[in-house]
Amino acid sequence: MSGRSWIGKNLGKIIAFVVLLAISLLFLLPLIYGVFGSVRTYNDLSGNASSIFPTSFSAFTWDGYRELFSRTKYVSTNANEYFPIWNWLFNSLIVALGGTLLYLIIAAFAAYAFVFLDFKYSNKIFYFLIGTMVIPGIVSTAPQLINMNMLGFYKSLVGLIAPSLGGVYGVYLIRQFFIGIPKDLIENASMDGASNLSIFFKVVLPLGKSALFVQGLFGFMGAWNDVQWAQLIIGGAPRTTWTLAYGLKVISDNAESAESMTLAFASAVIAMIPIFIVYLVAQSKIIEGVANTGIKR
C-alpha cells in the first residue's frame, strides 16, 4: 500500500488525532507554564512573563521550592509570618484520605441496602435522594455552616469532612455497579447461612472494588482541591490548621510580585503531585470501573 493511499484510508483518524492533540496541548499549556514557572528566577519571570520556559540556563532555579519548605517569610506585610507547608500537607491528607474512606464505607453500605435488601419504599427513597442532586450546593452552604458551628466543628478539620459524608453521587455510582452483580451469588451465599454483613464484605465488596476506586478518586480529588468550604470553615483558624488548597489560595491571592508568583507556582505543583500519584496507582481500576459501572450482567 502506497503512502498516499494509506493517508487517504486513514484520513479521518489522522484529523481526529491532530484535533485531539491540539485540544490536549491547549489544556496542558497552563500546567506546563506553572511547572516551569516554579523553577524560574524572579527576574526571569518578571522580565519574560510571556515565555513558558526559562530563557536561559542561569534562569533555572529551585529557590521557590526551597523557600516554600524552609519556613521563609510569608507573603504578607508581617515579616514574622511563615509557611507551615508540612502542616498544610498533613491536614490535606487527613481530610482527603479520612473523608474519602469514611464516605466510601457509608456509600457502599447504602448502595448495598438499596440493591440487595428488600425494604419498604426503597426505590422511592433512592429517587428522592437522586432528586436532591439537582439542588445547587450554594443553597445548603449556610445551613451546613450553622450545623458545623452548633456541633463544635467550626475552625476544625472535622468540619471539612463531616458535610461530605452525606453525598448522594457516590451512592448512585456504587449502586449502579452493584446492580450488575449476579443475584445468584447473593442468594447462594444467603442459603449457605451467610449474614448480610458477611455477604457485603466477602462477596459484594471484592466484586465492586472497581466502582469504589472510581468514587474514591473522585472523593479524594474533591476533598484535596476544596477551597470554598475550607475558606468558610478554617479561614479564621490558625495557619497550622489550613489545608494545602486553602494555603495555596492565600499565596496566590497575595502573589503581586515575581517572588510570590514563583512561590505560588511551586505550591501549585506540590498540590498536584498527590493527585497524580493516586491516578497512576489506580488508573487500571478506574478505567475498569468506568467501563463496567451501570452495565447489567
Protein backbone atom coordinates (compact mmCIF):
# COMPACT_ATOMS: atom_id res chain seq x y z
CA MET A 1 0.00 0.00 0.00
CA SER A 2 1.42 3.36 -1.04
CA GLY A 3 1.81 6.21 1.40
CA ARG A 4 -0.83 8.31 -0.36
CA SER A 5 -3.45 5.55 -0.31
CA TRP A 6 -2.70 4.85 3.37
CA ILE A 7 -3.23 8.51 4.21
CA GLY A 8 -6.47 8.57 2.23
CA LYS A 9 -7.76 5.48 4.04
CA ASN A 10 -6.86 6.82 7.49
CA LEU A 11 -7.53 10.50 6.88
CA GLY A 12 -10.37 10.61 9.40
CA LYS A 13 -8.22 9.07 12.12
CA ILE A 14 -5.34 11.45 11.35
CA ILE A 15 -7.61 14.50 11.57
CA ALA A 16 -9.14 13.26 14.81
CA PHE A 17 -5.67 12.65 16.27
CA VAL A 18 -4.46 16.13 15.29
CA VAL A 19 -7.57 17.80 16.73
CA LEU A 20 -7.37 15.85 19.99
CA LEU A 21 -3.65 16.58 20.26
CA ALA A 22 -4.28 20.30 19.79
CA ILE A 23 -7.04 20.28 22.44
CA SER A 24 -4.82 18.32 24.83
CA LEU A 25 -1.97 20.81 24.41
CA LEU A 26 -4.40 23.67 24.98
CA PHE A 27 -5.47 22.18 28.31
CA LEU A 28 -1.90 21.26 29.25
CA LEU A 29 -0.48 24.71 28.50
CA PRO A 30 -1.38 26.27 31.90
CA LEU A 31 0.03 23.19 33.65
CA ILE A 32 3.27 23.39 31.68
CA TYR A 33 3.53 27.13 32.34
CA GLY A 34 3.02 26.57 36.07
CA VAL A 35 5.58 23.75 36.30
CA PHE A 36 8.29 25.72 34.51
CA GLY A 37 7.27 28.94 36.24
CA SER A 38 8.04 27.30 39.58
CA VAL A 39 11.70 26.79 38.60
CA ARG A 40 12.37 30.25 37.11
CA THR A 41 14.22 33.04 38.85
CA TYR A 42 12.30 36.09 40.00
CA ASN A 43 13.99 38.34 37.43
CA ASP A 44 13.37 35.96 34.53
CA LEU A 45 9.70 35.51 35.44
CA SER A 46 9.06 39.24 35.83
CA GLY A 47 11.05 40.27 32.75
CA ASN A 48 9.82 37.49 30.45
CA ALA A 49 6.35 36.66 31.72
CA SER A 50 5.11 35.67 28.24
CA SER A 51 7.76 32.95 27.94
CA ILE A 52 6.78 29.46 29.03
CA PHE A 53 10.30 28.16 29.64
CA PRO A 54 13.29 29.73 31.39
CA THR A 55 15.04 31.99 28.91
CA SER A 56 18.49 30.67 29.85
CA PHE A 57 20.14 28.01 31.97
CA SER A 58 21.05 30.62 34.57
CA ALA A 59 17.33 31.47 34.88
CA PHE A 60 16.63 27.96 36.20
CA THR A 61 16.40 27.73 40.00
CA TRP A 62 14.87 25.69 42.84
CA ASP A 63 14.58 28.72 45.10
CA GLY A 64 10.77 28.66 45.02
CA TYR A 65 10.64 25.15 46.47
CA ARG A 66 13.46 25.81 48.94
CA GLU A 67 11.70 28.88 50.28
CA LEU A 68 8.36 27.09 50.40
CA PHE A 69 9.70 24.26 52.56
CA SER A 70 12.20 26.20 54.66
CA ARG A 71 9.61 28.31 56.52
CA THR A 72 10.70 31.52 54.85
CA LYS A 73 8.78 34.77 55.02
CA TYR A 74 5.08 34.50 54.35
CA VAL A 75 3.51 36.58 51.54
CA SER A 76 2.39 39.35 53.81
CA THR A 77 3.43 42.66 55.28
CA ASN A 78 4.17 40.88 58.55
CA ALA A 79 7.73 39.54 58.43
CA ASN A 80 7.03 37.18 61.33
CA GLU A 81 4.56 35.04 59.39
CA TYR A 82 5.71 31.79 57.77
CA PHE A 83 4.60 28.93 55.52
CA PRO A 84 3.65 25.89 57.66
CA ILE A 85 3.70 23.83 54.46
CA TRP A 86 4.16 20.48 56.24
CA ASN A 87 1.11 21.19 58.39
CA TRP A 88 -0.89 22.00 55.26
CA LEU A 89 0.15 18.79 53.56
CA PHE A 90 -0.64 16.70 56.63
CA ASN A 91 -4.03 18.38 57.11
CA SER A 92 -4.94 17.86 53.45
CA LEU A 93 -4.04 14.17 53.68
CA ILE A 94 -6.19 13.76 56.79
CA VAL A 95 -9.16 15.48 55.16
CA ALA A 96 -8.80 13.81 51.75
CA LEU A 97 -7.93 10.27 52.86
CA GLY A 98 -10.03 10.21 56.02
CA GLY A 99 -13.07 11.80 54.40
CA THR A 100 -12.84 9.56 51.34
CA LEU A 101 -12.54 6.32 53.33
CA LEU A 102 -15.42 7.25 55.63
CA TYR A 103 -17.61 8.22 52.70
CA LEU A 104 -16.82 5.02 50.79
CA ILE A 105 -17.90 2.95 53.80
CA ILE A 106 -21.18 4.88 54.15
CA ALA A 107 -21.92 4.95 50.41
CA ALA A 108 -21.12 1.25 49.95
CA PHE A 109 -23.40 0.21 52.83
CA ALA A 110 -26.19 2.44 51.47
CA ALA A 111 -25.78 1.09 47.93
CA TYR A 112 -25.89 -2.50 49.25
CA ALA A 113 -29.10 -1.77 51.10
CA PHE A 114 -30.78 -0.24 48.05
CA VAL A 115 -29.80 -3.15 45.79
CA PHE A 116 -29.90 -6.28 47.91
CA LEU A 117 -32.20 -5.52 50.86
CA ASP A 118 -35.93 -5.58 50.30
CA PHE A 119 -37.42 -2.84 52.46
CA LYS A 120 -40.48 -0.65 52.04
CA TYR A 121 -40.21 2.44 49.84
CA SER A 122 -36.59 1.67 48.94
CA ASN A 123 -36.98 2.87 45.35
CA LYS A 124 -38.89 5.98 46.38
CA ILE A 125 -36.25 6.86 48.96
CA PHE A 126 -33.49 6.35 46.40
CA TYR A 127 -35.20 8.50 43.76
CA PHE A 128 -35.80 11.18 46.37
CA LEU A 129 -32.08 11.19 47.16
CA ILE A 130 -31.28 11.42 43.46
CA GLY A 131 -33.65 14.37 43.23
CA THR A 132 -31.65 16.25 45.86
CA MET A 133 -28.67 16.26 43.49
CA VAL A 134 -30.31 19.00 41.41
CA ILE A 135 -30.24 21.39 44.39
CA PRO A 136 -27.31 23.82 43.98
CA GLY A 137 -24.64 23.33 46.59
CA ILE A 138 -24.64 27.02 47.46
CA VAL A 139 -28.18 26.63 48.83
CA SER A 140 -27.01 24.29 51.58
CA THR A 141 -23.84 26.19 52.42
CA ALA A 142 -25.34 28.43 55.10
CA PRO A 143 -27.28 25.62 56.87
CA GLN A 144 -24.19 23.40 56.83
CA LEU A 145 -22.09 26.21 58.26
CA ILE A 146 -24.61 26.72 61.06
CA ASN A 147 -24.68 22.98 61.77
CA MET A 148 -20.88 22.76 61.93
CA ASN A 149 -20.83 25.69 64.34
CA MET A 150 -23.52 24.15 66.56
CA LEU A 151 -21.70 20.80 66.62
CA GLY A 152 -18.43 22.47 67.57
CA PHE A 153 -16.71 21.58 64.30
CA TYR A 154 -16.11 25.18 63.20
CA LYS A 155 -12.42 26.00 62.62
CA SER A 156 -11.50 22.31 62.70
CA LEU A 157 -10.67 19.62 60.14
CA VAL A 158 -13.73 17.64 61.22
CA GLY A 159 -15.85 20.48 59.86
CA LEU A 160 -14.28 19.91 56.44
CA ILE A 161 -15.03 16.17 56.45
CA ALA A 162 -18.49 15.90 58.04
CA PRO A 163 -20.66 17.58 55.34
CA SER A 164 -19.18 15.44 52.56
CA LEU A 165 -20.29 12.21 54.24
CA GLY A 166 -23.88 12.77 53.13
CA GLY A 167 -23.16 12.97 49.40
CA VAL A 168 -25.54 11.16 47.07
CA TYR A 169 -23.49 10.81 43.89
CA GLY A 170 -21.22 8.12 45.33
CA VAL A 171 -24.23 6.09 46.47
CA TYR A 172 -25.66 6.32 42.96
CA LEU A 173 -22.39 5.33 41.27
CA ILE A 174 -21.72 2.36 43.54
CA ARG A 175 -25.37 1.24 43.38
CA GLN A 176 -25.26 1.16 39.59
CA PHE A 177 -22.26 -1.16 39.77
CA PHE A 178 -23.80 -3.37 42.45
CA ILE A 179 -26.87 -3.87 40.24
CA GLY A 180 -24.63 -5.73 37.80
CA ILE A 181 -23.54 -8.28 40.41
CA PRO A 182 -25.35 -11.59 39.72
CA LYS A 183 -28.12 -12.12 42.24
CA ASP A 184 -27.39 -15.86 42.23
CA LEU A 185 -24.17 -15.21 44.15
CA ILE A 186 -26.07 -13.36 46.86
CA GLU A 187 -28.80 -16.00 47.05
CA ASN A 188 -26.29 -18.85 47.24
CA ALA A 189 -24.37 -17.13 50.00
CA SER A 190 -27.59 -16.44 51.88
CA MET A 191 -28.68 -20.09 51.55
CA ASP A 192 -25.32 -21.14 52.99
CA GLY A 193 -26.14 -19.14 56.11
CA ALA A 194 -24.07 -16.03 55.43
CA SER A 195 -25.31 -12.84 57.08
CA ASN A 196 -25.77 -9.59 55.20
CA LEU A 197 -22.57 -8.28 56.75
CA SER A 198 -20.66 -11.34 55.63
CA ILE A 199 -22.12 -11.14 52.12
CA PHE A 200 -21.24 -7.46 51.94
CA PHE A 201 -17.57 -7.93 52.86
CA LYS A 202 -16.86 -11.33 51.26
CA VAL A 203 -18.94 -11.19 48.07
CA VAL A 204 -20.09 -7.70 47.13
CA LEU A 205 -17.07 -5.57 48.05
CA PRO A 206 -14.48 -7.74 46.22
CA LEU A 207 -16.64 -7.63 43.08
CA GLY A 208 -17.34 -3.91 43.42
CA LYS A 209 -13.83 -2.69 44.15
CA SER A 210 -13.55 -1.02 40.72
CA ALA A 211 -16.51 1.24 41.48
CA LEU A 212 -15.02 2.03 44.87
CA PHE A 213 -11.74 3.01 43.21
CA VAL A 214 -13.56 5.38 40.86
CA GLN A 215 -15.59 7.01 43.60
CA GLY A 216 -12.54 7.07 45.85
CA LEU A 217 -10.59 9.04 43.25
CA PHE A 218 -13.45 11.50 42.77
CA GLY A 219 -13.81 11.93 46.52
CA PHE A 220 -10.08 12.33 47.09
CA MET A 221 -9.75 14.93 44.34
CA GLY A 222 -12.76 16.88 45.57
CA ALA A 223 -11.53 16.96 49.17
CA TRP A 224 -7.92 17.69 48.22
CA ASN A 225 -8.83 20.61 45.93
CA ASP A 226 -11.65 22.09 48.00
CA VAL A 227 -11.16 25.78 48.66
CA GLN A 228 -14.58 27.37 49.10
CA TRP A 229 -15.71 25.26 52.05
CA ALA A 230 -12.22 25.31 53.57
CA GLN A 231 -12.24 29.10 53.48
CA LEU A 232 -15.53 29.18 55.38
CA ILE A 233 -14.57 26.59 58.00
CA ILE A 234 -10.86 27.14 58.65
CA GLY A 235 -10.26 30.55 57.10
CA GLY A 236 -10.27 32.17 60.53
CA ALA A 237 -8.33 29.36 62.21
CA PRO A 238 -4.56 29.40 62.88
CA ARG A 239 -2.48 28.85 59.76
CA THR A 240 -1.32 25.46 61.04
CA THR A 241 -4.95 24.28 60.67
CA TRP A 242 -5.20 25.22 57.00
CA THR A 243 -5.21 22.71 54.16
CA LEU A 244 -2.81 22.92 51.25
CA ALA A 245 -5.51 24.05 48.82
CA TYR A 246 -6.54 26.95 51.04
CA GLY A 247 -2.93 27.88 51.77
CA LEU A 248 -2.29 27.89 48.02
CA LYS A 249 -5.25 30.22 47.53
CA VAL A 250 -3.90 32.67 50.09
CA ILE A 251 -0.46 32.59 48.46
CA SER A 252 -1.99 33.14 45.01
CA ASP A 253 -4.20 35.98 46.25
CA ASN A 254 -1.12 37.77 47.53
CA ALA A 255 1.06 36.96 44.52
CA GLU A 256 1.72 40.52 43.38
CA SER A 257 5.47 40.23 42.77
CA ALA A 258 7.60 37.83 40.77
CA GLU A 259 8.90 36.36 44.01
CA SER A 260 5.46 35.49 45.31
CA MET A 261 4.38 34.22 41.87
CA THR A 262 7.23 31.70 41.92
CA LEU A 263 6.10 30.54 45.33
CA ALA A 264 2.51 30.25 44.07
CA PHE A 265 3.64 28.12 41.13
CA ALA A 266 5.75 25.91 43.40
CA SER A 267 2.90 25.35 45.85
CA ALA A 268 0.54 24.55 42.96
CA VAL A 269 2.93 21.88 41.66
CA ILE A 270 3.23 20.39 45.17
CA ALA A 271 -0.57 20.29 45.40
CA MET A 272 -0.83 18.40 42.09
CA ILE A 273 1.65 15.64 42.95
CA PRO A 274 -0.63 13.55 45.26
CA ILE A 275 -3.47 13.62 42.72
CA PHE A 276 -1.07 12.50 40.00
CA ILE A 277 0.27 9.65 42.16
CA VAL A 278 -3.22 8.45 43.13
CA TYR A 279 -4.29 8.43 39.49
CA LEU A 280 -1.23 6.46 38.37
CA VAL A 281 -1.72 3.86 41.10
CA ALA A 282 -5.46 3.43 40.49
CA GLN A 283 -5.51 4.01 36.72
CA SER A 284 -6.37 0.47 35.63
CA LYS A 285 -9.08 0.09 38.26
CA ILE A 286 -10.55 3.46 37.36
CA ILE A 287 -10.83 2.55 33.67
CA GLU A 288 -12.37 -0.80 34.58
CA GLY A 289 -14.84 0.82 36.95
CA VAL A 290 -15.95 3.46 34.46
CA ALA A 291 -16.37 0.79 31.77
CA ASN A 292 -18.40 -1.53 33.98
CA THR A 293 -20.47 0.89 36.06
CA GLY A 294 -24.09 0.71 35.03
CA ILE A 295 -23.67 -2.41 32.85
CA LYS A 296 -26.06 -5.13 33.93
CA ARG A 297 -24.76 -8.64 33.59
